[in-house]
Amino acid sequence: MYGFYNSMATEVDDLTHPIGDSFGDLEFYRNRLEGVQGKVLMPAVGTGRVMIPLIESGLNVEGMDVSTDWLDLCKDHLEARGLPTRLFQGETHTLSIDATYDAIILPAGSIHTLSEWDQLMETLTRFYDHLQVDGRLIFDVTFPRTTEVGHVKTHEWESFDGDVITLEDKIVDVSWVDQLIKSHHKYERWHRGQFVEAELERVSFKWFGIEELRLMLAQAGFINISLTADYKEEAPINGETNTITFEAVK
């Protein structure tokens, strides 16, 4: 399975998307969860960018991630703010815990890391099983920017300690049948112009059709499925839409 993150990738995400950073999703999810009294589960919690502000607004949010790197960093951020640690490690398609939630949320397109159709179906089913009656599942989907094999993007950042971290993001395979893009990420750290270390990761992005997801949500048992474009309640869904948020009820 693709999508396991290493320590340099975690550092870059923490650097570029600090706690509370938002591109409209934080405000949207806070609004949609207003009035929720029970627990909220956030799989793929990452560094806690969204989870921590939601906790600070009064919500009872628990975080989950497959990566111990992400969880360790998220725990550090929680402890630095004097917030209780409610984190556990696991994969969504094997979710099995003795708890139910009023809401399960996946902002920022986290669902795209599920590279197999059966993983997605099993994930939706397990989310359904871990929701209270009338509980809600809310998640974002987005769309690939390019599907050209060999396409390379490069980025550069100054790290917290003054080093420079570079990233080469290269598409290595595209399957139109599986709706899957596979990329290789190469991170390099430089100190005063001298190379220090490199880290490699393989990343997948699986894209979904709107009607596919409607059918899969219905198959899992969800009802009252609604869609929002770009975190704006009245925005139309069209060719200019970047993000679609699904909301479904148990």
Protein backbone atom coordinates (compact mmCIF):
# COMPACT_ATOMS: atom_id res chain seq x y z
CA MET A 1 0.00 0.00 0.00
CA TYR A 2 1.31 3.41 -0.95
CA GLY A 3 1.11 6.50 1.27
CA PHE A 4 3.46 5.82 4.20
CA TYR A 5 5.24 9.01 5.18
CA ASN A 6 8.80 9.40 6.41
CA SER A 7 10.25 11.91 8.84
CA MET A 8 11.34 14.51 6.29
CA ALA A 9 7.92 14.48 4.66
CA THR A 10 6.37 14.99 8.10
CA GLU A 11 8.72 17.90 8.76
CA VAL A 12 7.78 19.56 5.46
CA ASP A 13 4.07 19.19 6.13
CA ASP A 14 4.47 20.72 9.58
CA LEU A 15 6.50 23.54 8.04
CA THR A 16 4.11 24.34 5.19
CA HIS A 17 0.79 23.65 6.95
CA PRO A 18 1.12 24.73 10.58
CA ILE A 19 -1.59 24.12 13.18
CA GLY A 20 -4.67 26.16 12.31
CA ASP A 21 -3.60 26.81 8.72
CA SER A 22 -6.67 26.71 6.49
CA PHE A 23 -7.69 26.85 2.87
CA GLY A 24 -11.34 27.05 3.83
CA ASP A 25 -11.62 23.53 5.20
CA LEU A 26 -11.10 24.34 8.88
CA GLU A 27 -13.88 26.91 8.98
CA PHE A 28 -16.17 24.63 6.97
CA TYR A 29 -15.69 21.61 9.20
CA ARG A 30 -16.02 23.69 12.36
CA ASN A 31 -19.32 25.00 11.04
CA ARG A 32 -20.60 21.58 10.02
CA LEU A 33 -19.73 20.13 13.44
CA GLU A 34 -21.27 22.95 15.43
CA GLY A 35 -23.51 21.56 18.14
CA VAL A 36 -22.02 18.05 18.11
CA GLN A 37 -21.96 16.86 21.73
CA GLY A 38 -20.46 13.40 21.28
CA LYS A 39 -17.10 12.25 19.99
CA VAL A 40 -15.64 13.00 16.56
CA LEU A 41 -13.09 10.73 14.87
CA MET A 42 -10.51 12.16 12.48
CA PRO A 43 -8.58 9.48 10.59
CA ALA A 44 -5.41 10.63 8.78
CA VAL A 45 -5.01 13.25 11.49
CA GLY A 46 -1.49 14.14 10.36
CA THR A 47 0.17 16.87 12.39
CA GLY A 48 -3.13 17.98 13.94
CA ARG A 49 -3.55 21.02 11.67
CA VAL A 50 -7.35 20.68 11.70
CA MET A 51 -7.89 18.50 14.76
CA ILE A 52 -6.28 20.83 17.30
CA PRO A 53 -8.32 23.96 16.42
CA LEU A 54 -11.48 21.84 16.52
CA ILE A 55 -10.58 20.63 20.02
CA GLU A 56 -9.83 24.20 21.07
CA SER A 57 -13.29 25.21 19.85
CA GLY A 58 -14.84 22.72 22.29
CA LEU A 59 -15.27 19.58 20.19
CA ASN A 60 -14.30 16.15 21.51
CA VAL A 61 -12.04 14.93 18.69
CA GLU A 62 -9.96 11.76 18.58
CA GLY A 63 -7.21 11.33 15.99
CA MET A 64 -6.01 8.31 14.09
CA ASP A 65 -3.22 7.77 11.58
CA VAL A 66 -1.31 4.93 9.96
CA SER A 67 2.00 6.75 10.47
CA THR A 68 3.72 6.86 13.86
CA ASP A 69 5.74 9.87 12.60
CA TRP A 70 2.55 11.88 12.18
CA LEU A 71 1.14 10.70 15.49
CA ASP A 72 4.31 11.54 17.41
CA LEU A 73 4.33 15.06 15.99
CA CYS A 74 0.60 15.52 16.60
CA LYS A 75 1.10 14.37 20.20
CA ASP A 76 3.87 16.97 20.63
CA HIS A 77 1.54 19.72 19.37
CA LEU A 78 -1.25 18.59 21.71
CA GLU A 79 1.04 18.46 24.73
CA ALA A 80 2.55 21.87 23.92
CA ARG A 81 -0.97 23.32 24.16
CA GLY A 82 -1.93 21.39 27.26
CA LEU A 83 -4.59 19.44 25.39
CA PRO A 84 -5.47 15.81 26.15
CA THR A 85 -3.96 13.21 23.85
CA ARG A 86 -6.59 11.16 22.08
CA LEU A 87 -4.58 9.41 19.37
CA PHE A 88 -4.25 5.86 18.09
CA GLN A 89 -2.48 4.15 15.22
CA GLY A 90 -4.31 2.17 12.56
CA GLU A 91 -5.60 1.92 9.00
CA THR A 92 -9.12 2.95 8.06
CA HIS A 93 -9.98 -0.26 6.20
CA THR A 94 -9.18 -2.32 9.31
CA LEU A 95 -10.77 0.07 11.81
CA SER A 96 -12.14 -1.93 14.74
CA ILE A 97 -12.37 -0.19 18.10
CA ASP A 98 -14.83 -0.30 20.96
CA ALA A 99 -16.25 3.17 20.33
CA THR A 100 -18.85 4.96 18.24
CA TYR A 101 -18.84 8.55 17.07
CA ASP A 102 -21.26 11.33 16.24
CA ALA A 103 -19.11 12.26 13.25
CA ILE A 104 -16.12 10.97 11.28
CA ILE A 105 -14.23 13.53 9.18
CA LEU A 106 -11.48 13.35 6.56
CA PRO A 107 -10.49 16.84 5.36
CA ALA A 108 -7.79 17.61 2.79
CA GLY A 109 -8.45 14.69 0.44
CA SER A 110 -7.02 12.06 2.78
CA ILE A 111 -9.34 9.45 1.29
CA HIS A 112 -7.32 9.51 -1.96
CA THR A 113 -4.52 7.50 -0.34
CA LEU A 114 -6.73 4.39 -0.38
CA SER A 115 -5.27 2.81 -3.49
CA GLU A 116 -7.56 -0.23 -3.80
CA TRP A 117 -11.30 -0.26 -4.42
CA ASP A 118 -11.88 -2.93 -1.79
CA GLN A 119 -9.99 -0.78 0.74
CA LEU A 120 -12.30 2.13 0.04
CA MET A 121 -15.45 0.00 0.29
CA GLU A 122 -14.26 -1.61 3.51
CA THR A 123 -13.33 1.81 4.91
CA LEU A 124 -16.80 3.22 4.22
CA THR A 125 -18.39 0.14 5.78
CA ARG A 126 -16.26 0.39 8.91
CA PHE A 127 -16.96 4.10 9.21
CA TYR A 128 -20.67 3.30 9.05
CA ASP A 129 -20.28 0.67 11.78
CA HIS A 130 -18.43 3.15 14.05
CA LEU A 131 -21.03 5.90 13.79
CA GLN A 132 -23.95 6.48 16.11
CA VAL A 133 -27.41 6.40 14.54
CA ASP A 134 -27.80 9.72 12.67
CA GLY A 135 -24.02 10.16 12.84
CA ARG A 136 -22.35 11.83 9.89
CA LEU A 137 -19.41 11.03 7.64
CA ILE A 138 -17.82 14.12 6.05
CA PHE A 139 -14.86 13.93 3.68
CA ASP A 140 -13.18 15.82 0.85
CA VAL A 141 -12.28 14.67 -2.64
CA THR A 142 -10.29 16.56 -5.22
CA PHE A 143 -9.02 15.93 -8.74
CA PRO A 144 -5.60 15.23 -10.30
CA ARG A 145 -3.86 18.30 -11.69
CA THR A 146 -1.97 16.30 -14.32
CA THR A 147 -1.81 12.69 -15.47
CA GLU A 148 1.36 12.94 -17.57
CA VAL A 149 3.82 10.15 -16.77
CA GLY A 150 7.25 11.66 -16.18
CA HIS A 151 5.85 15.03 -15.08
CA VAL A 152 8.13 16.51 -12.41
CA LYS A 153 7.46 19.26 -9.86
CA THR A 154 10.18 20.64 -7.62
CA HIS A 155 9.85 22.56 -4.36
CA GLU A 156 12.23 24.15 -1.88
CA TRP A 157 11.75 25.26 1.73
CA GLU A 158 13.86 26.58 4.57
CA SER A 159 13.42 24.27 7.55
CA PHE A 160 12.90 25.29 11.17
CA ASP A 161 16.63 24.92 11.90
CA GLY A 162 17.72 26.93 8.85
CA ASP A 163 18.54 24.00 6.56
CA VAL A 164 17.05 23.79 3.07
CA ILE A 165 14.77 20.89 2.13
CA THR A 166 14.04 20.18 -1.52
CA LEU A 167 11.41 17.89 -3.01
CA GLU A 168 11.27 16.30 -6.46
CA ASP A 169 7.77 14.95 -7.14
CA LYS A 170 7.67 12.70 -10.23
CA ILE A 171 4.71 10.81 -11.71
CA VAL A 172 5.89 7.30 -12.55
CA ASP A 173 2.68 5.50 -13.49
CA VAL A 174 -0.95 6.26 -14.34
CA SER A 175 -3.64 3.59 -14.54
CA TRP A 176 -6.88 4.79 -16.12
CA VAL A 177 -8.53 1.46 -15.35
CA ASP A 178 -7.70 1.67 -11.65
CA GLN A 179 -7.95 5.49 -11.57
CA LEU A 180 -4.59 5.60 -9.84
CA ILE A 181 -1.56 7.88 -10.10
CA LYS A 182 1.70 6.69 -8.56
CA SER A 183 4.48 9.14 -7.82
CA HIS A 184 7.97 9.06 -6.37
CA HIS A 185 8.99 11.76 -3.90
CA LYS A 186 12.66 12.48 -3.31
CA TYR A 187 13.47 14.74 -0.36
CA GLU A 188 16.96 16.17 0.14
CA ARG A 189 18.33 18.16 3.06
CA TRP A 190 21.07 20.76 2.53
CA HIS A 191 23.10 22.54 5.21
CA ARG A 192 24.99 25.65 4.14
CA GLY A 193 24.97 24.43 0.56
CA GLN A 194 26.19 20.93 1.42
CA PHE A 195 24.10 17.82 0.87
CA VAL A 196 23.22 16.09 4.16
CA GLU A 197 20.67 13.33 3.51
CA ALA A 198 17.94 12.07 1.19
CA GLU A 199 14.65 10.27 1.77
CA LEU A 200 12.43 8.56 -0.75
CA GLU A 201 8.73 7.72 -0.60
CA ARG A 202 6.17 6.27 -2.95
CA VAL A 203 2.80 8.03 -2.99
CA SER A 204 -0.50 7.12 -4.61
CA PHE A 205 -3.46 9.28 -5.55
CA LYS A 206 -6.69 7.47 -6.45
CA TRP A 207 -9.35 9.63 -8.03
CA PHE A 208 -13.08 8.99 -7.83
CA GLY A 209 -16.16 9.88 -9.80
CA ILE A 210 -19.03 11.59 -7.99
CA GLU A 211 -21.56 8.91 -8.88
CA GLU A 212 -19.12 6.15 -7.92
CA LEU A 213 -18.87 7.56 -4.43
CA ARG A 214 -22.63 8.06 -4.15
CA LEU A 215 -23.18 4.40 -5.03
CA MET A 216 -20.48 3.15 -2.66
CA LEU A 217 -21.80 5.26 0.21
CA ALA A 218 -25.31 3.92 -0.42
CA GLN A 219 -23.98 0.36 -0.57
CA ALA A 220 -22.32 0.90 2.82
CA GLY A 221 -25.72 1.95 4.19
CA PHE A 222 -25.46 5.76 4.20
CA ILE A 223 -28.42 8.01 3.39
CA ASN A 224 -29.02 11.73 2.80
CA ILE A 225 -25.84 12.14 0.75
CA SER A 226 -25.05 15.79 -0.03
CA LEU A 227 -22.20 17.59 -1.79
CA THR A 228 -20.55 20.99 -1.29
CA ALA A 229 -18.17 22.67 -3.73
CA ASP A 230 -15.00 24.40 -2.48
CA TYR A 231 -16.35 24.71 1.10
CA LYS A 232 -19.04 27.16 -0.05
CA GLU A 233 -22.63 26.17 0.60
CA GLU A 234 -24.05 27.89 -2.47
CA ALA A 235 -21.23 27.24 -4.95
CA PRO A 236 -22.13 25.16 -8.03
CA ILE A 237 -20.23 22.00 -8.87
CA ASN A 238 -18.74 22.46 -12.32
CA GLY A 239 -15.50 22.33 -14.28
CA GLU A 240 -13.98 25.04 -12.09
CA THR A 241 -14.54 23.13 -8.84
CA ASN A 242 -11.35 22.14 -7.00
CA THR A 243 -12.74 20.29 -3.96
CA ILE A 244 -16.00 18.47 -3.33
CA THR A 245 -17.03 17.66 0.24
CA PHE A 246 -19.33 14.67 0.70
CA GLU A 247 -21.59 14.43 3.73
CA ALA A 248 -23.62 11.31 4.45
CA VAL A 249 -25.77 10.16 7.36
CA LYS A 250 -26.07 6.74 9.04
